[in-house]
């Protein structure tokens, strides 16, 4: 019923850039907080960036100055602009959103998109 679909991942060389997108679709009444997480092999999923209330944002220390989160509310889409990518940024990136449907609020996850930074 509700889906989050990420796109934009791929293979990029160190120092390169990628722009990830996450579009929500389905029977959506409203969308609250939206965020990006990532998970590398053998590691726990970690927060990358998120919108909290309104347009306020939080960033993980390891991406500050390099990544930017943005959203287009009208399109139910959140973006992650990733610049100056490093090999340690290699991970599966997931979007997450608080979404209201006719039955109430819930937390939803996308399937993830692979980002590989390697020369």
Protein backbone atom coordinates (compact mmCIF):
# COMPACT_ATOMS: atom_id res chain seq x y z
CA UNK A 1 0.00 0.00 0.00
CA UNK A 2 2.75 2.43 0.97
CA UNK A 3 6.12 2.17 -0.71
CA UNK A 4 9.41 4.00 -0.47
CA UNK A 5 11.63 3.51 -3.50
CA UNK A 6 15.24 4.65 -3.52
CA UNK A 7 17.21 5.39 -6.65
CA UNK A 8 20.49 6.96 -7.68
CA UNK A 9 22.95 4.54 -6.16
CA UNK A 10 25.85 3.08 -8.06
CA UNK A 11 29.60 2.88 -8.39
CA UNK A 12 31.60 6.06 -8.08
CA UNK A 13 35.27 6.90 -7.63
CA UNK A 14 36.57 8.53 -4.46
CA UNK A 15 35.90 12.26 -4.54
CA UNK A 16 32.90 11.81 -6.79
CA UNK A 17 29.26 12.63 -6.22
CA UNK A 18 25.89 10.92 -6.26
CA UNK A 19 22.37 12.12 -5.71
CA UNK A 20 19.97 9.68 -4.10
CA UNK A 21 16.22 9.99 -4.35
CA UNK A 22 13.46 8.36 -2.35
CA UNK A 23 9.88 8.64 -3.51
CA UNK A 24 6.94 7.64 -1.37
CA UNK A 25 3.77 6.38 -2.99
CA UNK A 26 0.52 4.75 -2.02
CA UNK A 27 -2.38 5.70 0.19
CA UNK A 28 -0.61 8.53 1.96
CA UNK A 29 -2.43 11.08 4.04
CA UNK A 30 0.67 12.94 5.18
CA UNK A 31 4.40 12.51 5.71
CA UNK A 32 6.26 13.60 8.80
CA UNK A 33 9.94 13.07 9.50
CA UNK A 34 12.09 11.82 6.63
CA UNK A 35 15.59 10.47 6.88
CA UNK A 36 18.46 8.62 5.26
CA UNK A 37 20.27 5.73 6.91
CA UNK A 38 23.05 3.47 5.71
CA UNK A 39 24.35 0.05 6.55
CA UNK A 40 27.71 -1.41 5.63
CA UNK A 41 28.43 -5.15 5.76
CA UNK A 42 28.86 -6.45 9.31
CA UNK A 43 27.86 -3.09 10.75
CA UNK A 44 24.73 -1.67 12.30
CA UNK A 45 22.44 0.64 10.43
CA UNK A 46 23.30 4.26 11.17
CA UNK A 47 21.65 7.60 10.66
CA UNK A 48 23.11 9.72 7.88
CA UNK A 49 20.80 12.72 7.76
CA UNK A 50 17.23 13.58 8.56
CA UNK A 51 14.57 16.20 8.68
CA UNK A 52 13.16 16.61 12.15
CA UNK A 53 10.42 19.22 12.57
CA UNK A 54 9.70 21.55 9.70
CA UNK A 55 12.86 22.19 7.73
CA UNK A 56 15.28 21.53 10.58
CA UNK A 57 17.91 18.94 9.81
CA UNK A 58 20.39 16.69 11.59
CA UNK A 59 23.56 15.25 10.08
CA UNK A 60 25.92 12.57 11.24
CA UNK A 61 29.38 13.93 12.01
CA UNK A 62 30.97 11.81 9.31
CA UNK A 63 28.98 13.50 6.52
CA UNK A 64 28.78 17.11 7.67
CA UNK A 65 30.02 19.43 4.96
CA UNK A 66 29.78 16.72 2.31
CA UNK A 67 26.16 15.55 2.24
CA UNK A 68 22.97 17.56 1.99
CA UNK A 69 19.44 16.35 2.62
CA UNK A 70 16.57 17.99 0.78
CA UNK A 71 12.93 17.28 0.16
CA UNK A 72 10.09 18.10 -2.15
CA UNK A 73 6.93 17.77 -0.13
CA UNK A 74 4.66 18.09 -3.15
CA UNK A 75 6.37 15.07 -4.72
CA UNK A 76 6.67 13.08 -1.48
CA UNK A 77 10.35 12.79 -2.22
CA UNK A 78 13.50 13.15 -0.16
CA UNK A 79 16.98 13.54 -1.64
CA UNK A 80 20.50 13.02 -0.45
CA UNK A 81 23.21 14.89 -2.32
CA UNK A 82 26.52 13.19 -1.60
CA UNK A 83 29.74 14.96 -2.50
CA UNK A 84 33.39 14.17 -1.92
CA UNK A 85 32.57 10.54 -1.46
CA UNK A 86 35.00 8.30 0.39
CA UNK A 87 35.47 4.53 0.28
CA UNK A 88 34.10 4.35 3.82
CA UNK A 89 30.81 5.74 2.50
CA UNK A 90 30.25 2.41 0.78
CA UNK A 91 27.01 0.97 2.10
CA UNK A 92 23.40 0.29 1.33
CA UNK A 93 21.48 3.50 1.79
CA UNK A 94 17.92 3.39 3.04
CA UNK A 95 15.28 6.06 3.28
CA UNK A 96 12.87 6.15 6.17
CA UNK A 97 9.73 8.15 6.71
CA UNK A 98 6.92 8.57 9.17
CA UNK A 99 3.79 8.25 7.08
CA UNK A 100 0.15 8.69 7.95
CA UNK A 101 -2.40 6.51 6.22
CA UNK A 102 -6.09 6.03 6.81
CA UNK A 103 -5.27 3.66 9.67
CA UNK A 104 -2.77 5.89 11.45
CA UNK A 105 0.94 6.66 11.58
CA UNK A 106 3.70 4.22 10.87
CA UNK A 107 7.41 4.06 10.11
CA UNK A 108 8.32 2.90 6.61
CA UNK A 109 11.58 1.82 5.01
CA UNK A 110 12.71 1.58 1.44
CA UNK A 111 14.48 -1.47 0.04
CA UNK A 112 17.80 0.34 -0.12
CA UNK A 113 20.17 1.36 -2.85
CA UNK A 114 23.81 0.31 -3.05
CA UNK A 115 26.50 2.97 -3.05
CA UNK A 116 30.01 1.77 -3.77
CA UNK A 117 32.95 4.16 -3.65
CA UNK A 118 36.04 2.60 -5.16
CA UNK A 119 38.79 3.34 -7.64
